[in-house]
Amino acid sequence: MNVALIGASHKPHRYAYKALQDLRNNNYTVYPVHAKLKEIEQIPVYPSITAIPDEIHTVTMYLNEEKSTAMADEIISKKPKRIIFNPGAENPVLEKQAQEHGIQTLNACTLVMLRTGAF
């Protein structure tokens, strides 16, 4: 399963960094997205979700509402099956837009989902 991790981080104490590690350890193909980073531990980082060449099944969101709203059109244009809004990344506007386009949305924690087998 292909997962876009929007708001990726190279800082080990950040939840987005931990999610990248846990997703990889659970054999998901992860596409980190960050406007300024080029790579995280030899993993290429994409400047936007639209730069990812493959289809995306799941978006896991680690950006605040203001930043994710600015990316709404490009996220929806990628047609993921679902978007997970992690704690602190909730966005009712983007959630509603996604649902209108048939994209499942969840307000959940990717780390907890992975560790409980619910991902």
PDB file of N, CA and C in Angstrom:
ATOM      1  N   MET A   1       0.845  -1.180   0.000  1.00  0.00           N
ATOM      2  CA  MET A   1       0.000   0.000   0.000  1.00  0.00           C
ATOM      3  C   MET A   1       0.889   1.241   0.000  1.00  0.00           C
ATOM      4  N   ASN A   2       0.568   2.191  -0.834  1.00  0.00           N
ATOM      5  CA  ASN A   2       1.319   3.443  -0.929  1.00  0.00           C
ATOM      6  C   ASN A   2       0.716   4.483   0.011  1.00  0.00           C
ATOM      7  N   VAL A   3       1.574   5.092   0.825  1.00  0.00           N
ATOM      8  CA  VAL A   3       1.147   6.073   1.819  1.00  0.00           C
ATOM      9  C   VAL A   3       1.927   7.362   1.626  1.00  0.00           C
ATOM     10  N   ALA A   4       1.207   8.470   1.475  1.00  0.00           N
ATOM     11  CA  ALA A   4       1.839   9.789   1.440  1.00  0.00           C
ATOM     12  C   ALA A   4       1.819  10.350   2.862  1.00  0.00           C
ATOM     13  N   LEU A   5       2.984  10.695   3.374  1.00  0.00           N
ATOM     14  CA  LEU A   5       3.107  11.258   4.712  1.00  0.00           C
ATOM     15  C   LEU A   5       3.353  12.755   4.543  1.00  0.00           C
ATOM     16  N   ILE A   6       2.294  13.527   4.697  1.00  0.00           N
ATOM     17  CA  ILE A   6       2.380  14.972   4.465  1.00  0.00           C
ATOM     18  C   ILE A   6       2.751  15.674   5.770  1.00  0.00           C
ATOM     19  N   GLY A   7       3.851  16.412   5.710  1.00  0.00           N
ATOM     20  CA  GLY A   7       4.391  17.061   6.895  1.00  0.00           C
ATOM     21  C   GLY A   7       5.500  16.218   7.498  1.00  0.00           C
ATOM     22  N   ALA A   8       6.196  15.496   6.642  1.00  0.00           N
ATOM     23  CA  ALA A   8       7.290  14.620   7.088  1.00  0.00           C
ATOM     24  C   ALA A   8       8.332  15.425   7.854  1.00  0.00           C
ATOM     25  N   SER A   9       9.033  14.736   8.743  1.00  0.00           N
ATOM     26  CA  SER A   9      10.066  15.399   9.538  1.00  0.00           C
ATOM     27  C   SER A   9      11.325  14.536   9.602  1.00  0.00           C
ATOM     28  N   HIS A  10      12.469  15.210   9.660  1.00  0.00           N
ATOM     29  CA  HIS A  10      13.747  14.514   9.829  1.00  0.00           C
ATOM     30  C   HIS A  10      14.182  14.518  11.300  1.00  0.00           C
ATOM     31  N   LYS A  11      13.345  15.039  12.178  1.00  0.00           N
ATOM     32  CA  LYS A  11      13.664  15.135  13.602  1.00  0.00           C
ATOM     33  C   LYS A  11      13.091  13.919  14.341  1.00  0.00           C
ATOM     34  N   PRO A  12      13.949  13.080  14.918  1.00  0.00           N
ATOM     35  CA  PRO A  12      13.495  11.831  15.540  1.00  0.00           C
ATOM     36  C   PRO A  12      12.448  11.970  16.647  1.00  0.00           C
ATOM     37  N   HIS A  13      12.352  13.120  17.286  1.00  0.00           N
ATOM     38  CA  HIS A  13      11.364  13.283  18.361  1.00  0.00           C
ATOM     39  C   HIS A  13       9.968  13.645  17.843  1.00  0.00           C
ATOM     40  N   ARG A  14       9.847  13.904  16.547  1.00  0.00           N
ATOM     41  CA  ARG A  14       8.550  14.295  15.974  1.00  0.00           C
ATOM     42  C   ARG A  14       7.724  13.054  15.625  1.00  0.00           C
ATOM     43  N   TYR A  15       6.404  13.153  15.793  1.00  0.00           N
ATOM     44  CA  TYR A  15       5.524  12.021  15.483  1.00  0.00           C
ATOM     45  C   TYR A  15       5.553  11.671  14.002  1.00  0.00           C
ATOM     46  N   ALA A  16       5.714  12.661  13.149  1.00  0.00           N
ATOM     47  CA  ALA A  16       5.779  12.384  11.708  1.00  0.00           C
ATOM     48  C   ALA A  16       7.004  11.527  11.378  1.00  0.00           C
ATOM     49  N   TYR A  17       8.097  11.748  12.062  1.00  0.00           N
ATOM     50  CA  TYR A  17       9.302  10.928  11.871  1.00  0.00           C
ATOM     51  C   TYR A  17       9.036   9.501  12.344  1.00  0.00           C
ATOM     52  N   LYS A  18       8.418   9.376  13.519  1.00  0.00           N
ATOM     53  CA  LYS A  18       8.108   8.053  14.064  1.00  0.00           C
ATOM     54  C   LYS A  18       7.143   7.308  13.154  1.00  0.00           C
ATOM     55  N   ALA A  19       6.186   8.020  12.567  1.00  0.00           N
ATOM     56  CA  ALA A  19       5.236   7.391  11.653  1.00  0.00           C
ATOM     57  C   ALA A  19       5.957   6.874  10.408  1.00  0.00           C
ATOM     58  N   LEU A  20       6.892   7.645   9.894  1.00  0.00           N
ATOM     59  CA  LEU A  20       7.668   7.204   8.733  1.00  0.00           C
ATOM     60  C   LEU A  20       8.379   5.886   9.046  1.00  0.00           C
ATOM     61  N   GLN A  21       9.013   5.825  10.201  1.00  0.00           N
ATOM     62  CA  GLN A  21       9.726   4.615  10.593  1.00  0.00           C
ATOM     63  C   GLN A  21       8.767   3.433  10.766  1.00  0.00           C
ATOM     64  N   ASP A  22       7.652   3.665  11.467  1.00  0.00           N
ATOM     65  CA  ASP A  22       6.698   2.579  11.721  1.00  0.00           C
ATOM     66  C   ASP A  22       6.038   2.092  10.434  1.00  0.00           C
ATOM     67  N   LEU A  23       5.711   3.001   9.539  1.00  0.00           N
ATOM     68  CA  LEU A  23       5.123   2.597   8.258  1.00  0.00           C
ATOM     69  C   LEU A  23       6.106   1.723   7.479  1.00  0.00           C
ATOM     70  N   ARG A  24       7.347   2.148   7.413  1.00  0.00           N
ATOM     71  CA  ARG A  24       8.373   1.358   6.704  1.00  0.00           C
ATOM     72  C   ARG A  24       8.580  -0.001   7.375  1.00  0.00           C
ATOM     73  N   ASN A  25       8.609  -0.017   8.700  1.00  0.00           N
ATOM     74  CA  ASN A  25       8.794  -1.271   9.431  1.00  0.00           C
ATOM     75  C   ASN A  25       7.619  -2.226   9.248  1.00  0.00           C
ATOM     76  N   ASN A  26       6.468  -1.693   8.853  1.00  0.00           N
ATOM     77  CA  ASN A  26       5.283  -2.517   8.593  1.00  0.00           C
ATOM     78  C   ASN A  26       5.096  -2.773   7.097  1.00  0.00           C
ATOM     79  N   ASN A  27       6.163  -2.525   6.339  1.00  0.00           N
ATOM     80  CA  ASN A  27       6.214  -2.835   4.899  1.00  0.00           C
ATOM     81  C   ASN A  27       5.272  -2.027   4.014  1.00  0.00           C
ATOM     82  N   TYR A  28       4.948  -0.799   4.431  1.00  0.00           N
ATOM     83  CA  TYR A  28       4.210   0.104   3.560  1.00  0.00           C
ATOM     84  C   TYR A  28       5.217   0.896   2.735  1.00  0.00           C
ATOM     85  N   THR A  29       4.827   1.259   1.532  1.00  0.00           N
ATOM     86  CA  THR A  29       5.655   2.132   0.704  1.00  0.00           C
ATOM     87  C   THR A  29       5.293   3.562   1.082  1.00  0.00           C
ATOM     88  N   VAL A  30       6.257   4.278   1.638  1.00  0.00           N
ATOM     89  CA  VAL A  30       5.993   5.616   2.175  1.00  0.00           C
ATOM     90  C   VAL A  30       6.625   6.676   1.285  1.00  0.00           C
ATOM     91  N   TYR A  31       5.843   7.698   1.004  1.00  0.00           N
ATOM     92  CA  TYR A  31       6.288   8.846   0.224  1.00  0.00           C
ATOM     93  C   TYR A  31       6.224  10.075   1.134  1.00  0.00           C
ATOM     94  N   PRO A  32       7.339  10.432   1.780  1.00  0.00           N
ATOM     95  CA  PRO A  32       7.328  11.621   2.624  1.00  0.00           C
ATOM     96  C   PRO A  32       7.153  12.879   1.765  1.00  0.00           C
ATOM     97  N   VAL A  33       6.369  13.811   2.286  1.00  0.00           N
ATOM     98  CA  VAL A  33       6.132  15.078   1.585  1.00  0.00           C
ATOM     99  C   VAL A  33       6.519  16.221   2.515  1.00  0.00           C
ATOM    100  N   HIS A  34       7.411  17.076   2.013  1.00  0.00           N
ATOM    101  CA  HIS A  34       7.835  18.270   2.751  1.00  0.00           C
ATOM    102  C   HIS A  34       8.406  19.243   1.722  1.00  0.00           C
ATOM    103  N   ALA A  35       8.013  20.488   1.808  1.00  0.00           N
ATOM    104  CA  ALA A  35       8.404  21.480   0.798  1.00  0.00           C
ATOM    105  C   ALA A  35       9.909  21.744   0.750  1.00  0.00           C
ATOM    106  N   LYS A  36      10.615  21.575   1.870  1.00  0.00           N
ATOM    107  CA  LYS A  36      12.024  21.968   1.901  1.00  0.00           C
ATOM    108  C   LYS A  36      13.019  20.821   2.035  1.00  0.00           C
ATOM    109  N   LEU A  37      12.605  19.705   2.605  1.00  0.00           N
ATOM    110  CA  LEU A  37      13.532  18.588   2.787  1.00  0.00           C
ATOM    111  C   LEU A  37      13.724  17.824   1.476  1.00  0.00           C
ATOM    112  N   LYS A  38      14.919  17.336   1.256  1.00  0.00           N
ATOM    113  CA  LYS A  38      15.220  16.552   0.041  1.00  0.00           C
ATOM    114  C   LYS A  38      15.209  15.055   0.319  1.00  0.00           C
ATOM    115  N   GLU A  39      15.625  14.682   1.545  1.00  0.00           N
ATOM    116  CA  GLU A  39      15.595  13.274   1.923  1.00  0.00           C
ATOM    117  C   GLU A  39      15.600  13.148   3.439  1.00  0.00           C
ATOM    118  N   ILE A  40      15.115  11.990   3.905  1.00  0.00           N
ATOM    119  CA  ILE A  40      15.160  11.640   5.321  1.00  0.00           C
ATOM    120  C   ILE A  40      15.762  10.247   5.383  1.00  0.00           C
ATOM    121  N   GLU A  41      16.960  10.148   5.939  1.00  0.00           N
ATOM    122  CA  GLU A  41      17.668   8.871   6.050  1.00  0.00           C
ATOM    123  C   GLU A  41      17.679   8.105   4.720  1.00  0.00           C
ATOM    124  N   GLN A  42      18.139   8.748   3.698  1.00  0.00           N
ATOM    125  CA  GLN A  42      18.261   8.222   2.329  1.00  0.00           C
ATOM    126  C   GLN A  42      16.917   7.926   1.648  1.00  0.00           C
ATOM    127  N   ILE A  43      15.815   8.362   2.232  1.00  0.00           N
ATOM    128  CA  ILE A  43      14.503   8.211   1.600  1.00  0.00           C
ATOM    129  C   ILE A  43      14.196   9.528   0.898  1.00  0.00           C
ATOM    130  N   PRO A  44      13.902   9.488  -0.411  1.00  0.00           N
ATOM    131  CA  PRO A  44      13.575  10.732  -1.106  1.00  0.00           C
ATOM    132  C   PRO A  44      12.322  11.378  -0.524  1.00  0.00           C
ATOM    133  N   VAL A  45      12.363  12.692  -0.416  1.00  0.00           N
ATOM    134  CA  VAL A  45      11.214  13.460   0.060  1.00  0.00           C
ATOM    135  C   VAL A  45      10.672  14.262  -1.117  1.00  0.00           C
ATOM    136  N   TYR A  46       9.361  14.262  -1.272  1.00  0.00           N
ATOM    137  CA  TYR A  46       8.710  14.948  -2.383  1.00  0.00           C
ATOM    138  C   TYR A  46       8.252  16.335  -1.944  1.00  0.00           C
ATOM    139  N   PRO A  47       8.392  17.333  -2.820  1.00  0.00           N
ATOM    140  CA  PRO A  47       8.016  18.700  -2.452  1.00  0.00           C
ATOM    141  C   PRO A  47       6.504  18.902  -2.356  1.00  0.00           C
ATOM    142  N   SER A  48       5.732  18.007  -2.989  1.00  0.00           N
ATOM    143  CA  SER A  48       4.272  18.072  -2.928  1.00  0.00           C
ATOM    144  C   SER A  48       3.713  16.687  -3.232  1.00  0.00           C
ATOM    145  N   ILE A  49       2.455  16.485  -2.902  1.00  0.00           N
ATOM    146  CA  ILE A  49       1.835  15.184  -3.169  1.00  0.00           C
ATOM    147  C   ILE A  49       1.709  14.940  -4.673  1.00  0.00           C
ATOM    148  N   THR A  50       1.556  16.004  -5.438  1.00  0.00           N
ATOM    149  CA  THR A  50       1.422  15.836  -6.890  1.00  0.00           C
ATOM    150  C   THR A  50       2.740  15.437  -7.542  1.00  0.00           C
ATOM    151  N   ALA A  51       3.857  15.598  -6.849  1.00  0.00           N
ATOM    152  CA  ALA A  51       5.158  15.186  -7.386  1.00  0.00           C
ATOM    153  C   ALA A  51       5.389  13.679  -7.243  1.00  0.00           C
ATOM    154  N   ILE A  52       4.550  13.025  -6.467  1.00  0.00           N
ATOM    155  CA  ILE A  52       4.677  11.573  -6.283  1.00  0.00           C
ATOM    156  C   ILE A  52       4.206  10.890  -7.566  1.00  0.00           C
ATOM    157  N   PRO A  53       5.048  10.043  -8.173  1.00  0.00           N
ATOM    158  CA  PRO A  53       4.699   9.452  -9.464  1.00  0.00           C
ATOM    159  C   PRO A  53       3.672   8.322  -9.398  1.00  0.00           C
ATOM    160  N   ASP A  54       3.462   7.750  -8.223  1.00  0.00           N
ATOM    161  CA  ASP A  54       2.575   6.595  -8.099  1.00  0.00           C
ATOM    162  C   ASP A  54       1.234   6.980  -7.485  1.00  0.00           C
ATOM    163  N   GLU A  55       0.264   6.057  -7.606  1.00  0.00           N
ATOM    164  CA  GLU A  55      -1.019   6.255  -6.954  1.00  0.00           C
ATOM    165  C   GLU A  55      -0.825   6.184  -5.446  1.00  0.00           C
ATOM    166  N   ILE A  56      -1.657   6.906  -4.732  1.00  0.00           N
ATOM    167  CA  ILE A  56      -1.589   6.935  -3.270  1.00  0.00           C
ATOM    168  C   ILE A  56      -2.883   6.356  -2.715  1.00  0.00           C
ATOM    169  N   HIS A  57      -2.740   5.379  -1.844  1.00  0.00           N
ATOM    170  CA  HIS A  57      -3.914   4.809  -1.184  1.00  0.00           C
ATOM    171  C   HIS A  57      -4.320   5.656   0.020  1.00  0.00           C
ATOM    172  N   THR A  58      -3.340   5.984   0.861  1.00  0.00           N
ATOM    173  CA  THR A  58      -3.618   6.687   2.113  1.00  0.00           C
ATOM    174  C   THR A  58      -2.728   7.910   2.238  1.00  0.00           C
ATOM    175  N   VAL A  59      -3.337   9.002   2.684  1.00  0.00           N
ATOM    176  CA  VAL A  59      -2.593  10.198   3.087  1.00  0.00           C
ATOM    177  C   VAL A  59      -2.642  10.240   4.597  1.00  0.00           C
ATOM    178  N   THR A  60      -1.496  10.361   5.239  1.00  0.00           N
ATOM    179  CA  THR A  60      -1.469  10.585   6.675  1.00  0.00           C
ATOM    180  C   THR A  60      -0.955  12.001   6.902  1.00  0.00           C
ATOM    181  N   MET A  61      -1.789  12.809   7.528  1.00  0.00           N
ATOM    182  CA  MET A  61      -1.575  14.256   7.609  1.00  0.00           C
ATOM    183  C   MET A  61      -0.943  14.655   8.935  1.00  0.00           C
ATOM    184  N   TYR A  62       0.173  15.377   8.825  1.00  0.00           N
ATOM    185  CA  TYR A  62       0.869  15.909   9.996  1.00  0.00           C
ATOM    186  C   TYR A  62       1.061  17.419   9.892  1.00  0.00           C
ATOM    187  N   LEU A  63       0.202  18.089   9.144  1.00  0.00           N
ATOM    188  CA  LEU A  63       0.266  19.550   9.028  1.00  0.00           C
ATOM    189  C   LEU A  63      -0.939  20.172   9.713  1.00  0.00           C
ATOM    190  N   ASN A  64      -0.784  21.412  10.155  1.00  0.00           N
ATOM    191  CA  ASN A  64      -1.915  22.099  10.766  1.00  0.00           C
ATOM    192  C   ASN A  64      -2.967  22.468   9.713  1.00  0.00           C
ATOM    193  N   GLU A  65      -4.103  22.894  10.200  1.00  0.00           N
ATOM    194  CA  GLU A  65      -5.259  23.184   9.337  1.00  0.00           C
ATOM    195  C   GLU A  65      -4.943  24.220   8.260  1.00  0.00           C
ATOM    196  N   GLU A  66      -4.254  25.272   8.628  1.00  0.00           N
ATOM    197  CA  GLU A  66      -3.946  26.335   7.659  1.00  0.00           C
ATOM    198  C   GLU A  66      -3.116  25.795   6.494  1.00  0.00           C
ATOM    199  N   LYS A  67      -2.073  25.042   6.815  1.00  0.00           N
ATOM    200  CA  LYS A  67      -1.197  24.510   5.764  1.00  0.00           C
ATOM    201  C   LYS A  67      -1.887  23.437   4.926  1.00  0.00           C
ATOM    202  N   SER A  68      -2.656  22.574   5.560  1.00  0.00           N
ATOM    203  CA  SER A  68      -3.321  21.517   4.783  1.00  0.00           C
ATOM    204  C   SER A  68      -4.450  22.065   3.924  1.00  0.00           C
ATOM    205  N   THR A  69      -5.110  23.123   4.377  1.00  0.00           N
ATOM    206  CA  THR A  69      -6.156  23.745   3.559  1.00  0.00           C
ATOM    207  C   THR A  69      -5.554  24.298   2.269  1.00  0.00           C
ATOM    208  N   ALA A  70      -4.357  24.872   2.367  1.00  0.00           N
ATOM    209  CA  ALA A  70      -3.689  25.412   1.185  1.00  0.00           C
ATOM    210  C   ALA A  70      -3.340  24.317   0.180  1.00  0.00           C
ATOM    211  N   MET A  71      -3.246  23.081   0.651  1.00  0.00           N
ATOM    212  CA  MET A  71      -2.897  21.945  -0.216  1.00  0.00           C
ATOM    213  C   MET A  71      -4.112  21.123  -0.639  1.00  0.00           C
ATOM    214  N   ALA A  72      -5.294  21.536  -0.241  1.00  0.00           N
ATOM    215  CA  ALA A  72      -6.505  20.727  -0.437  1.00  0.00           C
ATOM    216  C   ALA A  72      -6.706  20.278  -1.881  1.00  0.00           C
ATOM    217  N   ASP A  73      -6.594  21.193  -2.830  1.00  0.00           N
ATOM    218  CA  ASP A  73      -6.844  20.842  -4.233  1.00  0.00           C
ATOM    219  C   ASP A  73      -5.878  19.777  -4.734  1.00  0.00           C
ATOM    220  N   GLU A  74      -4.598  19.909  -4.398  1.00  0.00           N
ATOM    221  CA  GLU A  74      -3.634  18.928  -4.884  1.00  0.00           C
ATOM    222  C   GLU A  74      -3.815  17.582  -4.187  1.00  0.00           C
ATOM    223  N   ILE A  75      -4.195  17.594  -2.913  1.00  0.00           N
ATOM    224  CA  ILE A  75      -4.446  16.329  -2.210  1.00  0.00           C
ATOM    225  C   ILE A  75      -5.630  15.613  -2.848  1.00  0.00           C
ATOM    226  N   ILE A  76      -6.706  16.331  -3.058  1.00  0.00           N
ATOM    227  CA  ILE A  76      -7.906  15.732  -3.652  1.00  0.00           C
ATOM    228  C   ILE A  76      -7.639  15.280  -5.086  1.00  0.00           C
ATOM    229  N   SER A  77      -6.835  16.039  -5.828  1.00  0.00           N
ATOM    230  CA  SER A  77      -6.540  15.661  -7.218  1.00  0.00           C
ATOM    231  C   SER A  77      -5.762  14.353  -7.309  1.00  0.00           C
ATOM    232  N   LYS A  78      -5.068  13.976  -6.239  1.00  0.00           N
ATOM    233  CA  LYS A  78      -4.302  12.725  -6.212  1.00  0.00           C
ATOM    234  C   LYS A  78      -5.220  11.509  -5.987  1.00  0.00           C
ATOM    235  N   LYS A  79      -6.454  11.770  -5.570  1.00  0.00           N
ATOM    236  CA  LYS A  79      -7.499  10.751  -5.385  1.00  0.00           C
ATOM    237  C   LYS A  79      -7.101   9.606  -4.450  1.00  0.00           C
ATOM    238  N   PRO A  80      -6.632   9.940  -3.239  1.00  0.00           N
ATOM    239  CA  PRO A  80      -6.353   8.854  -2.296  1.00  0.00           C
ATOM    240  C   PRO A  80      -7.666   8.198  -1.860  1.00  0.00           C
ATOM    241  N   LYS A  81      -7.573   6.995  -1.350  1.00  0.00           N
ATOM    242  CA  LYS A  81      -8.763   6.302  -0.840  1.00  0.00           C
ATOM    243  C   LYS A  81      -9.165   6.859   0.528  1.00  0.00           C
ATOM    244  N   ARG A  82      -8.148   7.308   1.313  1.00  0.00           N
ATOM    245  CA  ARG A  82      -8.464   7.855   2.629  1.00  0.00           C
ATOM    246  C   ARG A  82      -7.395   8.855   3.074  1.00  0.00           C
ATOM    247  N   ILE A  83      -7.835   9.706   4.005  1.00  0.00           N
ATOM    248  CA  ILE A  83      -6.937  10.670   4.644  1.00  0.00           C
ATOM    249  C   ILE A  83      -7.069  10.471   6.148  1.00  0.00           C
ATOM    250  N   ILE A  84      -5.931  10.292   6.797  1.00  0.00           N
ATOM    251  CA  ILE A  84      -5.900  10.199   8.256  1.00  0.00           C
ATOM    252  C   ILE A  84      -5.406  11.537   8.790  1.00  0.00           C
ATOM    253  N   PHE A  85      -6.256  12.195   9.574  1.00  0.00           N
ATOM    254  CA  PHE A  85      -5.879  13.450  10.225  1.00  0.00           C
ATOM    255  C   PHE A  85      -5.380  13.107  11.623  1.00  0.00           C
ATOM    256  N   ASN A  86      -4.067  13.162  11.813  1.00  0.00           N
ATOM    257  CA  ASN A  86      -3.461  12.844  13.097  1.00  0.00           C
ATOM    258  C   ASN A  86      -3.759  13.948  14.109  1.00  0.00           C
ATOM    259  N   PRO A  87      -3.653  13.645  15.411  1.00  0.00           N
ATOM    260  CA  PRO A  87      -3.916  14.667  16.426  1.00  0.00           C
ATOM    261  C   PRO A  87      -3.124  15.947  16.159  1.00  0.00           C
ATOM    262  N   GLY A  88      -3.826  17.071  16.144  1.00  0.00           N
ATOM    263  CA  GLY A  88      -3.219  18.361  15.851  1.00  0.00           C
ATOM    264  C   GLY A  88      -3.298  18.735  14.385  1.00  0.00           C
ATOM    265  N   ALA A  89      -3.712  17.786  13.541  1.00  0.00           N
ATOM    266  CA  ALA A  89      -3.810  18.039  12.094  1.00  0.00           C
ATOM    267  C   ALA A  89      -5.260  18.020  11.619  1.00  0.00           C
ATOM    268  N   GLU A  90      -6.199  18.048  12.539  1.00  0.00           N
ATOM    269  CA  GLU A  90      -7.611  18.012  12.160  1.00  0.00           C
ATOM    270  C   GLU A  90      -7.950  19.205  11.267  1.00  0.00           C
ATOM    271  N   ASN A  91      -8.811  18.966  10.276  1.00  0.00           N
ATOM    272  CA  ASN A  91      -9.182  20.020   9.333  1.00  0.00           C
ATOM    273  C   ASN A  91     -10.586  19.740   8.810  1.00  0.00           C
ATOM    274  N   PRO A  92     -11.622  20.293   9.454  1.00  0.00           N
ATOM    275  CA  PRO A  92     -13.001  20.026   9.046  1.00  0.00           C
ATOM    276  C   PRO A  92     -13.302  20.437   7.600  1.00  0.00           C
ATOM    277  N   VAL A  93     -12.680  21.499   7.114  1.00  0.00           N
ATOM    278  CA  VAL A  93     -12.920  21.959   5.747  1.00  0.00           C
ATOM    279  C   VAL A  93     -12.383  20.938   4.740  1.00  0.00           C
ATOM    280  N   LEU A  94     -11.132  20.531   4.902  1.00  0.00           N
ATOM    281  CA  LEU A  94     -10.547  19.536   4.012  1.00  0.00           C
ATOM    282  C   LEU A  94     -11.259  18.196   4.146  1.00  0.00           C
ATOM    283  N   GLU A  95     -11.655  17.857   5.355  1.00  0.00           N
ATOM    284  CA  GLU A  95     -12.384  16.607   5.589  1.00  0.00           C
ATOM    285  C   GLU A  95     -13.690  16.592   4.782  1.00  0.00           C
ATOM    286  N   LYS A  96     -14.417  17.683   4.830  1.00  0.00           N
ATOM    287  CA  LYS A  96     -15.685  17.774   4.093  1.00  0.00           C
ATOM    288  C   LYS A  96     -15.440  17.709   2.584  1.00  0.00           C
ATOM    289  N   GLN A  97     -14.444  18.433   2.097  1.00  0.00           N
ATOM    290  CA  GLN A  97     -14.117  18.403   0.667  1.00  0.00           C
ATOM    291  C   GLN A  97     -13.741  16.993   0.223  1.00  0.00           C
ATOM    292  N   ALA A  98     -12.938  16.325   1.017  1.00  0.00           N
ATOM    293  CA  ALA A  98     -12.505  14.964   0.679  1.00  0.00           C
ATOM    294  C   ALA A  98     -13.707  14.027   0.609  1.00  0.00           C
ATOM    295  N   GLN A  99     -14.575  14.111   1.602  1.00  0.00           N
ATOM    296  CA  GLN A  99     -15.760  13.253   1.625  1.00  0.00           C
ATOM    297  C   GLN A  99     -16.656  13.501   0.416  1.00  0.00           C
ATOM    298  N   GLU A 100     -16.750  14.747  -0.004  1.00  0.00           N
ATOM    299  CA  GLU A 100     -17.543  15.083  -1.202  1.00  0.00           C
ATOM    300  C   GLU A 100     -16.961  14.452  -2.464  1.00  0.00           C
ATOM    301  N   HIS A 101     -15.693  14.107  -2.433  1.00  0.00           N
ATOM    302  CA  HIS A 101     -15.020  13.452  -3.563  1.00  0.00           C
ATOM    303  C   HIS A 101     -14.869  11.945  -3.339  1.00  0.00           C
ATOM    304  N   GLY A 102     -15.578  11.402  -2.351  1.00  0.00           N
ATOM    305  CA  GLY A 102     -15.560   9.965  -2.108  1.00  0.00           C
ATOM    306  C   GLY A 102     -14.336   9.457  -1.385  1.00  0.00           C
ATOM    307  N   ILE A 103     -13.616  10.350  -0.725  1.00  0.00           N
ATOM    308  CA  ILE A 103     -12.412   9.968   0.015  1.00  0.00           C
ATOM    309  C   ILE A 103     -12.787   9.777   1.482  1.00  0.00           C
ATOM    310  N   GLN A 104     -12.464   8.612   2.018  1.00  0.00           N
ATOM    311  CA  GLN A 104     -12.721   8.327   3.433  1.00  0.00           C
ATOM    312  C   GLN A 104     -11.809   9.195   4.288  1.00  0.00           C
ATOM    313  N   THR A 105     -12.331   9.702   5.398  1.00  0.00           N
ATOM    314  CA  THR A 105     -11.507  10.491   6.317  1.00  0.00           C
ATOM    315  C   THR A 105     -11.600   9.905   7.715  1.00  0.00           C
ATOM    316  N   LEU A 106     -10.494  10.024   8.437  1.00  0.00           N
ATOM    317  CA  LEU A 106     -10.429   9.550   9.815  1.00  0.00           C
ATOM    318  C   LEU A 106      -9.681  10.569  10.655  1.00  0.00           C
ATOM    319  N   ASN A 107     -10.204  10.854  11.825  1.00  0.00           N
ATOM    320  CA  ASN A 107      -9.454  11.609  12.819  1.00  0.00           C
ATOM    321  C   ASN A 107      -8.881  10.555  13.752  1.00  0.00           C
ATOM    322  N   ALA A 108      -7.622  10.220  13.539  1.00  0.00           N
ATOM    323  CA  ALA A 108      -7.004   9.110  14.261  1.00  0.00           C
ATOM    324  C   ALA A 108      -5.497   9.318  14.299  1.00  0.00           C
ATOM    325  N   CYS A 109      -4.829   8.436  15.003  1.00  0.00           N
ATOM    326  CA  CYS A 109      -3.375   8.490  15.111  1.00  0.00           C
ATOM    327  C   CYS A 109      -2.774   7.331  14.327  1.00  0.00           C
ATOM    328  N   THR A 110      -1.976   7.651  13.335  1.00  0.00           N
ATOM    329  CA  THR A 110      -1.332   6.631  12.526  1.00  0.00           C
ATOM    330  C   THR A 110      -0.510   5.676  13.377  1.00  0.00           C
ATOM    331  N   LEU A 111       0.215   6.200  14.344  1.00  0.00           N
ATOM    332  CA  LEU A 111       1.052   5.355  15.217  1.00  0.00           C
ATOM    333  C   LEU A 111       0.206   4.346  15.973  1.00  0.00           C
ATOM    334  N   VAL A 112      -0.907   4.789  16.544  1.00  0.00           N
ATOM    335  CA  VAL A 112      -1.781   3.886  17.290  1.00  0.00           C
ATOM    336  C   VAL A 112      -2.411   2.876  16.341  1.00  0.00           C
ATOM    337  N   MET A 113      -2.850   3.344  15.176  1.00  0.00           N
ATOM    338  CA  MET A 113      -3.458   2.436  14.203  1.00  0.00           C
ATOM    339  C   MET A 113      -2.482   1.325  13.803  1.00  0.00           C
ATOM    340  N   LEU A 114      -1.235   1.695  13.556  1.00  0.00           N
ATOM    341  CA  LEU A 114      -0.230   0.701  13.182  1.00  0.00           C
ATOM    342  C   LEU A 114       0.036  -0.289  14.312  1.00  0.00           C
ATOM    343  N   ARG A 115       0.111   0.208  15.515  1.00  0.00           N
ATOM    344  CA  ARG A 115       0.471  -0.635  16.653  1.00  0.00           C
ATOM    345  C   ARG A 115      -0.674  -1.522  17.123  1.00  0.00           C
ATOM    346  N   THR A 116      -1.897  -1.200  16.697  1.00  0.00           N
ATOM    347  CA  THR A 116      -3.050  -2.020  17.094  1.00  0.00           C
ATOM    348  C   THR A 116      -3.588  -2.853  15.931  1.00  0.00           C
ATOM    349  N   GLY A 117      -2.920  -2.770  14.780  1.00  0.00           N
ATOM    350  CA  GLY A 117      -3.367  -3.531  13.617  1.00  0.00           C
ATOM    351  C   GLY A 117      -4.574  -2.945  12.918  1.00  0.00           C
ATOM    352  N   ALA A 118      -4.893  -1.688  13.187  1.00  0.00           N
ATOM    353  CA  ALA A 118      -6.071  -1.038  12.605  1.00  0.00           C
ATOM    354  C   ALA A 118      -5.752  -0.210  11.374  1.00  0.00           C
ATOM    355  N   PHE A 119      -4.489  -0.191  10.956  1.00  0.00           N
ATOM    356  CA  PHE A 119      -4.120   0.657   9.821  1.00  0.00           C
ATOM    357  C   PHE A 119      -4.634   0.070   8.527  1.00  0.00           C
TER     358      PHE A 119
END
